[in-house]
Amino acid sequence: MSTAIGLSTPVLAPLLPISGTFALPFSAYFTLLSYRVVHYRLADKQYLGDNSSKDGDPNNKLYLATRCHQNFIENVPLALVLAAFAELNGGNRKVLTTALSALLAFRIAHVEAGLINGTGVGRPIGYWGTFATIATLGGYAAFLVKGYWGL
């Protein structure tokens, strides 16, 4: 089936196959993080807020689960938008697949081997890996359109 872009340009292929492929793993992990927040809310009978009054308590699972969820929300949408920009401007599929695979691994490491326990080696690895991936995707997306600006 073709789709019309603008007034009359038919498109026979998916526009964002790489970004679309990563919709499932990222949304599945997001769902797990959301579930953990709800689980700890019910366990602590803390139906509103993150119970941060117990901040610093290594046993404050609700606060840690909330931070894991928030960190995911703070980083993944921007990375997916940057990947989509690159993909729409002819980005290499292997480069984009590698970058989004790395991002997923870094986000999982950040939580599962780091933040969910308060500290851990996965936390700095996940942070710096995510930082590098977002910076790389942004730079790559800009590089792909440099000809538009006469560079």
N, C-alpha and C. Protein backbone atom coordinates (compact mmCIF):
# COMPACT_ATOMS: atom_id res chain seq x y z
N MET A 1 0.85 -1.17 0.00
CA MET A 1 0.00 0.00 0.00
C MET A 1 0.89 1.24 0.00
N SER A 2 0.56 2.21 -0.79
CA SER A 2 1.35 3.44 -0.82
C SER A 2 0.71 4.49 0.07
N THR A 3 1.53 5.40 0.51
CA THR A 3 1.10 6.50 1.36
C THR A 3 1.45 7.80 0.67
N ALA A 4 0.60 8.78 0.77
CA ALA A 4 0.88 10.07 0.15
C ALA A 4 1.57 11.00 1.14
N ILE A 5 2.66 11.60 0.70
CA ILE A 5 3.36 12.61 1.49
C ILE A 5 3.10 13.93 0.80
N GLY A 6 2.71 14.91 1.56
CA GLY A 6 2.41 16.19 0.94
C GLY A 6 1.21 16.07 0.04
N LEU A 7 1.33 16.56 -1.19
CA LEU A 7 0.17 16.57 -2.09
C LEU A 7 0.06 15.32 -2.94
N SER A 8 1.17 14.80 -3.44
CA SER A 8 1.02 13.70 -4.39
C SER A 8 2.22 12.76 -4.48
N THR A 9 3.10 12.72 -3.54
CA THR A 9 4.26 11.86 -3.63
C THR A 9 3.96 10.51 -3.01
N PRO A 10 3.81 9.45 -3.83
CA PRO A 10 3.54 8.13 -3.24
C PRO A 10 4.82 7.51 -2.68
N VAL A 11 4.70 6.85 -1.56
CA VAL A 11 5.82 6.17 -0.93
C VAL A 11 5.42 4.71 -0.76
N LEU A 12 6.23 3.80 -1.32
CA LEU A 12 5.88 2.39 -1.28
C LEU A 12 6.53 1.64 -0.14
N ALA A 13 7.52 2.23 0.48
CA ALA A 13 8.24 1.55 1.55
C ALA A 13 8.00 2.27 2.87
N PRO A 14 8.23 1.59 3.98
CA PRO A 14 8.13 2.28 5.28
C PRO A 14 9.13 3.44 5.34
N LEU A 15 8.73 4.53 5.96
CA LEU A 15 9.61 5.69 6.03
C LEU A 15 10.72 5.53 7.07
N LEU A 16 10.43 4.89 8.17
CA LEU A 16 11.39 4.78 9.27
C LEU A 16 11.52 3.32 9.74
N PRO A 17 12.04 2.44 8.91
CA PRO A 17 12.09 1.04 9.32
C PRO A 17 13.02 0.75 10.50
N ILE A 18 14.12 1.45 10.61
CA ILE A 18 15.04 1.20 11.72
C ILE A 18 14.44 1.74 13.02
N SER A 19 14.01 2.99 13.02
CA SER A 19 13.39 3.56 14.21
C SER A 19 12.15 2.76 14.60
N GLY A 20 11.37 2.35 13.61
CA GLY A 20 10.17 1.56 13.88
C GLY A 20 10.49 0.20 14.47
N THR A 21 11.59 -0.40 14.04
CA THR A 21 12.00 -1.70 14.59
C THR A 21 12.29 -1.60 16.08
N PHE A 22 12.85 -0.48 16.49
CA PHE A 22 13.22 -0.32 17.90
C PHE A 22 12.06 0.15 18.77
N ALA A 23 10.90 0.38 18.17
CA ALA A 23 9.73 0.76 18.97
C ALA A 23 9.37 -0.33 19.96
N LEU A 24 9.43 -1.59 19.56
CA LEU A 24 9.05 -2.69 20.45
C LEU A 24 10.00 -2.84 21.64
N PRO A 25 11.30 -2.98 21.45
CA PRO A 25 12.15 -3.17 22.63
C PRO A 25 12.16 -1.97 23.58
N PHE A 26 12.16 -0.75 23.03
CA PHE A 26 12.15 0.42 23.90
C PHE A 26 10.82 0.55 24.65
N SER A 27 9.71 0.30 23.97
CA SER A 27 8.42 0.40 24.66
C SER A 27 8.24 -0.73 25.65
N ALA A 28 8.76 -1.91 25.36
CA ALA A 28 8.67 -3.03 26.31
C ALA A 28 9.46 -2.71 27.59
N TYR A 29 10.65 -2.17 27.43
CA TYR A 29 11.45 -1.83 28.61
C TYR A 29 10.82 -0.67 29.38
N PHE A 30 10.25 0.30 28.66
CA PHE A 30 9.53 1.40 29.30
C PHE A 30 8.37 0.85 30.14
N THR A 31 7.66 -0.13 29.59
CA THR A 31 6.54 -0.74 30.30
C THR A 31 7.02 -1.43 31.57
N LEU A 32 8.14 -2.12 31.51
CA LEU A 32 8.70 -2.76 32.70
C LEU A 32 9.04 -1.71 33.76
N LEU A 33 9.68 -0.62 33.35
CA LEU A 33 10.02 0.43 34.31
C LEU A 33 8.76 1.04 34.93
N SER A 34 7.74 1.24 34.12
CA SER A 34 6.47 1.77 34.63
C SER A 34 5.84 0.81 35.62
N TYR A 35 5.88 -0.47 35.29
CA TYR A 35 5.32 -1.48 36.18
C TYR A 35 6.01 -1.46 37.54
N ARG A 36 7.33 -1.33 37.53
CA ARG A 36 8.06 -1.30 38.81
C ARG A 36 7.62 -0.13 39.68
N VAL A 37 7.41 1.03 39.07
CA VAL A 37 6.95 2.19 39.84
C VAL A 37 5.61 1.88 40.48
N VAL A 38 4.69 1.34 39.70
CA VAL A 38 3.36 1.01 40.23
C VAL A 38 3.47 -0.05 41.33
N HIS A 39 4.30 -1.04 41.11
CA HIS A 39 4.49 -2.10 42.11
C HIS A 39 4.96 -1.53 43.45
N TYR A 40 5.96 -0.68 43.42
CA TYR A 40 6.48 -0.11 44.67
C TYR A 40 5.51 0.92 45.27
N ARG A 41 4.74 1.60 44.43
CA ARG A 41 3.70 2.50 44.96
C ARG A 41 2.69 1.71 45.78
N LEU A 42 2.24 0.62 45.23
CA LEU A 42 1.26 -0.21 45.93
C LEU A 42 1.86 -0.84 47.18
N ALA A 43 3.09 -1.30 47.09
CA ALA A 43 3.74 -1.92 48.24
C ALA A 43 3.95 -0.92 49.38
N ASP A 44 4.30 0.33 49.04
CA ASP A 44 4.54 1.37 50.05
C ASP A 44 3.28 2.16 50.41
N LYS A 45 2.19 1.88 49.70
CA LYS A 45 0.95 2.65 49.88
C LYS A 45 1.21 4.15 49.69
N GLN A 46 2.05 4.44 48.72
CA GLN A 46 2.42 5.82 48.36
C GLN A 46 1.83 6.07 46.98
N TYR A 47 0.59 6.55 46.94
CA TYR A 47 -0.14 6.64 45.69
C TYR A 47 0.15 7.90 44.89
N LEU A 48 0.82 8.86 45.51
CA LEU A 48 1.16 10.10 44.83
C LEU A 48 2.57 10.49 45.23
N GLY A 49 3.36 10.94 44.28
CA GLY A 49 4.74 11.33 44.59
C GLY A 49 5.66 10.13 44.57
N ASP A 50 6.92 10.38 44.91
CA ASP A 50 7.91 9.31 44.86
C ASP A 50 8.49 8.95 46.22
N ASN A 51 7.88 9.48 47.29
CA ASN A 51 8.34 9.16 48.64
C ASN A 51 9.78 9.61 48.84
N SER A 52 10.17 10.72 48.23
CA SER A 52 11.55 11.17 48.30
C SER A 52 11.92 11.72 49.67
N SER A 53 10.95 11.77 50.59
CA SER A 53 11.29 12.17 51.95
C SER A 53 12.24 11.15 52.57
N LYS A 54 12.24 9.94 52.02
CA LYS A 54 13.18 8.91 52.46
C LYS A 54 14.42 8.89 51.57
N ASP A 55 14.65 10.00 50.83
CA ASP A 55 15.79 10.10 49.91
C ASP A 55 17.08 9.79 50.67
N GLY A 56 17.93 9.03 50.06
CA GLY A 56 19.19 8.65 50.68
C GLY A 56 19.09 7.28 51.34
N ASP A 57 17.88 6.83 51.57
CA ASP A 57 17.67 5.50 52.14
C ASP A 57 17.86 4.48 51.03
N PRO A 58 18.87 3.60 51.13
CA PRO A 58 19.12 2.63 50.06
C PRO A 58 17.98 1.63 49.89
N ASN A 59 17.07 1.58 50.85
CA ASN A 59 15.94 0.66 50.74
C ASN A 59 14.70 1.33 50.17
N ASN A 60 14.80 2.58 49.75
CA ASN A 60 13.67 3.30 49.19
C ASN A 60 13.49 2.89 47.73
N LYS A 61 12.88 1.74 47.53
CA LYS A 61 12.74 1.17 46.20
C LYS A 61 11.83 2.01 45.30
N LEU A 62 10.83 2.66 45.88
CA LEU A 62 9.94 3.50 45.08
C LEU A 62 10.71 4.66 44.47
N TYR A 63 11.52 5.33 45.27
CA TYR A 63 12.31 6.45 44.76
C TYR A 63 13.26 5.99 43.66
N LEU A 64 13.93 4.87 43.87
CA LEU A 64 14.87 4.37 42.86
C LEU A 64 14.15 3.97 41.58
N ALA A 65 13.00 3.30 41.71
CA ALA A 65 12.24 2.91 40.53
C ALA A 65 11.75 4.14 39.77
N THR A 66 11.32 5.16 40.51
CA THR A 66 10.87 6.40 39.88
C THR A 66 12.01 7.07 39.12
N ARG A 67 13.20 7.10 39.72
CA ARG A 67 14.35 7.71 39.05
C ARG A 67 14.74 6.91 37.80
N CYS A 68 14.67 5.59 37.86
CA CYS A 68 14.97 4.78 36.68
C CYS A 68 14.01 5.11 35.55
N HIS A 69 12.75 5.21 35.88
CA HIS A 69 11.71 5.53 34.90
C HIS A 69 11.94 6.94 34.33
N GLN A 70 12.20 7.90 35.19
CA GLN A 70 12.43 9.27 34.74
C GLN A 70 13.67 9.40 33.86
N ASN A 71 14.74 8.72 34.24
CA ASN A 71 15.96 8.78 33.43
C ASN A 71 15.72 8.24 32.04
N PHE A 72 14.93 7.18 31.94
CA PHE A 72 14.59 6.62 30.63
C PHE A 72 13.83 7.66 29.81
N ILE A 73 12.83 8.29 30.43
CA ILE A 73 12.00 9.28 29.74
C ILE A 73 12.82 10.51 29.33
N GLU A 74 13.82 10.85 30.12
CA GLU A 74 14.65 12.02 29.83
C GLU A 74 15.57 11.81 28.62
N ASN A 75 15.93 10.59 28.33
CA ASN A 75 16.95 10.33 27.31
C ASN A 75 16.46 9.65 26.05
N VAL A 76 15.64 8.64 26.18
CA VAL A 76 15.28 7.82 25.02
C VAL A 76 14.48 8.58 23.96
N PRO A 77 13.48 9.39 24.31
CA PRO A 77 12.75 10.09 23.24
C PRO A 77 13.65 10.97 22.36
N LEU A 78 14.57 11.71 22.97
CA LEU A 78 15.48 12.54 22.18
C LEU A 78 16.32 11.68 21.24
N ALA A 79 16.84 10.58 21.75
CA ALA A 79 17.66 9.71 20.91
C ALA A 79 16.86 9.14 19.74
N LEU A 80 15.61 8.75 20.00
CA LEU A 80 14.78 8.22 18.91
C LEU A 80 14.45 9.30 17.88
N VAL A 81 14.22 10.52 18.32
CA VAL A 81 13.97 11.62 17.37
C VAL A 81 15.21 11.88 16.53
N LEU A 82 16.38 11.91 17.15
CA LEU A 82 17.62 12.12 16.40
C LEU A 82 17.86 11.00 15.40
N ALA A 83 17.59 9.76 15.82
CA ALA A 83 17.74 8.62 14.90
C ALA A 83 16.76 8.75 13.73
N ALA A 84 15.54 9.18 14.00
CA ALA A 84 14.56 9.37 12.93
C ALA A 84 15.01 10.47 11.97
N PHE A 85 15.55 11.56 12.49
CA PHE A 85 16.08 12.63 11.63
C PHE A 85 17.15 12.06 10.70
N ALA A 86 18.07 11.30 11.27
CA ALA A 86 19.14 10.72 10.47
C ALA A 86 18.59 9.74 9.44
N GLU A 87 17.64 8.92 9.85
CA GLU A 87 17.07 7.93 8.94
C GLU A 87 16.32 8.60 7.79
N LEU A 88 15.57 9.63 8.08
CA LEU A 88 14.83 10.34 7.03
C LEU A 88 15.76 11.06 6.05
N ASN A 89 16.99 11.34 6.47
CA ASN A 89 17.95 12.03 5.61
C ASN A 89 18.99 11.09 5.03
N GLY A 90 18.66 9.80 4.99
CA GLY A 90 19.52 8.83 4.30
C GLY A 90 20.60 8.21 5.15
N GLY A 91 20.44 8.21 6.46
CA GLY A 91 21.43 7.60 7.34
C GLY A 91 21.63 6.12 7.05
N ASN A 92 22.84 5.66 7.26
CA ASN A 92 23.19 4.26 7.04
C ASN A 92 22.44 3.38 8.04
N ARG A 93 21.78 2.36 7.54
CA ARG A 93 20.97 1.49 8.41
C ARG A 93 21.80 0.75 9.44
N LYS A 94 23.00 0.34 9.07
CA LYS A 94 23.86 -0.37 10.03
C LYS A 94 24.30 0.57 11.15
N VAL A 95 24.63 1.80 10.80
CA VAL A 95 25.04 2.79 11.80
C VAL A 95 23.89 3.05 12.77
N LEU A 96 22.69 3.26 12.23
CA LEU A 96 21.53 3.54 13.08
C LEU A 96 21.13 2.34 13.93
N THR A 97 21.19 1.15 13.35
CA THR A 97 20.88 -0.06 14.11
C THR A 97 21.88 -0.25 15.24
N THR A 98 23.15 -0.03 14.96
CA THR A 98 24.18 -0.15 16.00
C THR A 98 23.97 0.88 17.10
N ALA A 99 23.68 2.11 16.72
CA ALA A 99 23.49 3.18 17.71
C ALA A 99 22.28 2.90 18.60
N LEU A 100 21.16 2.50 18.01
CA LEU A 100 19.97 2.24 18.82
C LEU A 100 20.11 0.97 19.65
N SER A 101 20.82 -0.03 19.14
CA SER A 101 21.10 -1.23 19.93
C SER A 101 21.97 -0.88 21.13
N ALA A 102 22.98 -0.07 20.89
CA ALA A 102 23.85 0.37 21.99
C ALA A 102 23.07 1.18 23.01
N LEU A 103 22.20 2.07 22.53
CA LEU A 103 21.40 2.87 23.45
C LEU A 103 20.54 1.98 24.34
N LEU A 104 19.90 1.00 23.76
CA LEU A 104 19.07 0.09 24.55
C LEU A 104 19.92 -0.64 25.60
N ALA A 105 21.08 -1.12 25.19
CA ALA A 105 21.98 -1.81 26.13
C ALA A 105 22.45 -0.86 27.23
N PHE A 106 22.78 0.37 26.88
CA PHE A 106 23.23 1.34 27.89
C PHE A 106 22.11 1.68 28.87
N ARG A 107 20.88 1.84 28.37
CA ARG A 107 19.76 2.16 29.28
C ARG A 107 19.47 0.99 30.22
N ILE A 108 19.55 -0.23 29.69
CA ILE A 108 19.32 -1.40 30.54
C ILE A 108 20.44 -1.54 31.57
N ALA A 109 21.69 -1.34 31.14
CA ALA A 109 22.82 -1.41 32.08
C ALA A 109 22.69 -0.34 33.16
N HIS A 110 22.28 0.86 32.76
CA HIS A 110 22.14 1.96 33.71
C HIS A 110 21.19 1.59 34.85
N VAL A 111 20.10 0.90 34.51
CA VAL A 111 19.11 0.53 35.52
C VAL A 111 19.47 -0.79 36.20
N GLU A 112 19.57 -1.84 35.43
CA GLU A 112 19.66 -3.19 35.99
C GLU A 112 20.98 -3.47 36.70
N ALA A 113 22.06 -2.86 36.24
CA ALA A 113 23.36 -3.07 36.89
C ALA A 113 23.81 -1.82 37.63
N GLY A 114 22.87 -0.90 37.86
CA GLY A 114 23.27 0.34 38.50
C GLY A 114 22.21 0.93 39.38
N LEU A 115 21.39 1.79 38.84
CA LEU A 115 20.51 2.65 39.61
C LEU A 115 19.46 1.92 40.44
N ILE A 116 18.93 0.81 39.97
CA ILE A 116 17.87 0.13 40.71
C ILE A 116 18.37 -0.34 42.08
N ASN A 117 19.67 -0.51 42.22
CA ASN A 117 20.27 -0.89 43.50
C ASN A 117 20.91 0.30 44.20
N GLY A 118 20.74 1.49 43.66
CA GLY A 118 21.33 2.69 44.24
C GLY A 118 22.66 3.04 43.61
N THR A 119 23.54 2.09 43.54
CA THR A 119 24.84 2.29 42.90
C THR A 119 25.20 1.01 42.16
N GLY A 120 26.19 1.09 41.37
CA GLY A 120 26.64 -0.08 40.62
C GLY A 120 27.41 0.36 39.40
N VAL A 121 28.18 -0.54 38.86
CA VAL A 121 29.04 -0.22 37.72
C VAL A 121 28.22 0.14 36.49
N GLY A 122 27.00 -0.36 36.40
CA GLY A 122 26.17 -0.06 35.23
C GLY A 122 25.72 1.38 35.16
N ARG A 123 25.69 2.04 36.30
CA ARG A 123 25.20 3.43 36.32
C ARG A 123 26.10 4.37 35.52
N PRO A 124 27.41 4.45 35.79
CA PRO A 124 28.24 5.34 34.97
C PRO A 124 28.39 4.84 33.53
N ILE A 125 28.43 3.53 33.34
CA ILE A 125 28.53 2.99 31.97
C ILE A 125 27.29 3.38 31.18
N GLY A 126 26.12 3.21 31.78
CA GLY A 126 24.88 3.57 31.12
C GLY A 126 24.77 5.06 30.85
N TYR A 127 25.18 5.86 31.84
CA TYR A 127 25.10 7.32 31.65
C TYR A 127 26.00 7.78 30.52
N TRP A 128 27.29 7.44 30.60
CA TRP A 128 28.23 7.92 29.60
C TRP A 128 27.96 7.31 28.23
N GLY A 129 27.52 6.06 28.20
CA GLY A 129 27.16 5.44 26.92
C GLY A 129 25.97 6.12 26.28
N THR A 130 24.96 6.45 27.09
CA THR A 130 23.79 7.16 26.58
C THR A 130 24.19 8.54 26.09
N PHE A 131 25.00 9.23 26.87
CA PHE A 131 25.49 10.56 26.51
C PHE A 131 26.21 10.51 25.16
N ALA A 132 27.11 9.55 25.00
CA ALA A 132 27.87 9.41 23.75
C ALA A 132 26.96 9.05 22.59
N THR A 133 25.98 8.19 22.82
CA THR A 133 25.07 7.79 21.75
C THR A 133 24.23 8.96 21.28
N ILE A 134 23.69 9.74 22.21
CA ILE A 134 22.88 10.91 21.84
C ILE A 134 23.73 11.93 21.09
N ALA A 135 24.93 12.18 21.58
CA ALA A 135 25.82 13.12 20.90
C ALA A 135 26.18 12.63 19.50
N THR A 136 26.43 11.35 19.36
CA THR A 136 26.76 10.76 18.06
C THR A 136 25.58 10.85 17.10
N LEU A 137 24.39 10.51 17.57
CA LEU A 137 23.21 10.58 16.71
C LEU A 137 22.94 12.02 16.27
N GLY A 138 23.09 12.97 17.18
CA GLY A 138 22.90 14.38 16.82
C GLY A 138 23.90 14.85 15.80
N GLY A 139 25.15 14.49 16.02
CA GLY A 139 26.20 14.86 15.06
C GLY A 139 26.01 14.19 13.72
N TYR A 140 25.61 12.94 13.73
CA TYR A 140 25.39 12.20 12.48
C TYR A 140 24.22 12.80 11.70
N ALA A 141 23.14 13.11 12.39
CA ALA A 141 21.98 13.71 11.72
C ALA A 141 22.36 15.05 11.10
N ALA A 142 23.15 15.86 11.79
CA ALA A 142 23.59 17.15 11.25
C ALA A 142 24.55 16.95 10.08
N PHE A 143 25.42 15.97 10.18
CA PHE A 143 26.37 15.67 9.11
C PHE A 143 25.64 15.31 7.81
N LEU A 144 24.56 14.57 7.94
CA LEU A 144 23.82 14.11 6.76
C LEU A 144 23.18 15.26 5.97
N VAL A 145 22.95 16.39 6.62
CA VAL A 145 22.31 17.52 5.92
C VAL A 145 23.27 18.68 5.69
N LYS A 146 24.55 18.45 5.88
CA LYS A 146 25.51 19.53 5.73
C LYS A 146 25.51 20.13 4.34
N GLY A 147 25.21 19.34 3.32
CA GLY A 147 25.15 19.85 1.95
C GLY A 147 24.07 20.88 1.75
N TYR A 148 23.00 20.79 2.52
CA TYR A 148 21.92 21.76 2.42
C TYR A 148 22.42 23.16 2.77
N TRP A 149 23.36 23.23 3.67
CA TRP A 149 23.90 24.51 4.13
C TRP A 149 25.13 24.94 3.33
N GLY A 150 25.47 24.17 2.31
CA GLY A 150 26.59 24.52 1.45
C GLY A 150 27.94 24.17 2.07
N LEU A 151 27.97 23.26 3.00
CA LEU A 151 29.23 22.87 3.65
C LEU A 151 29.85 21.66 2.99
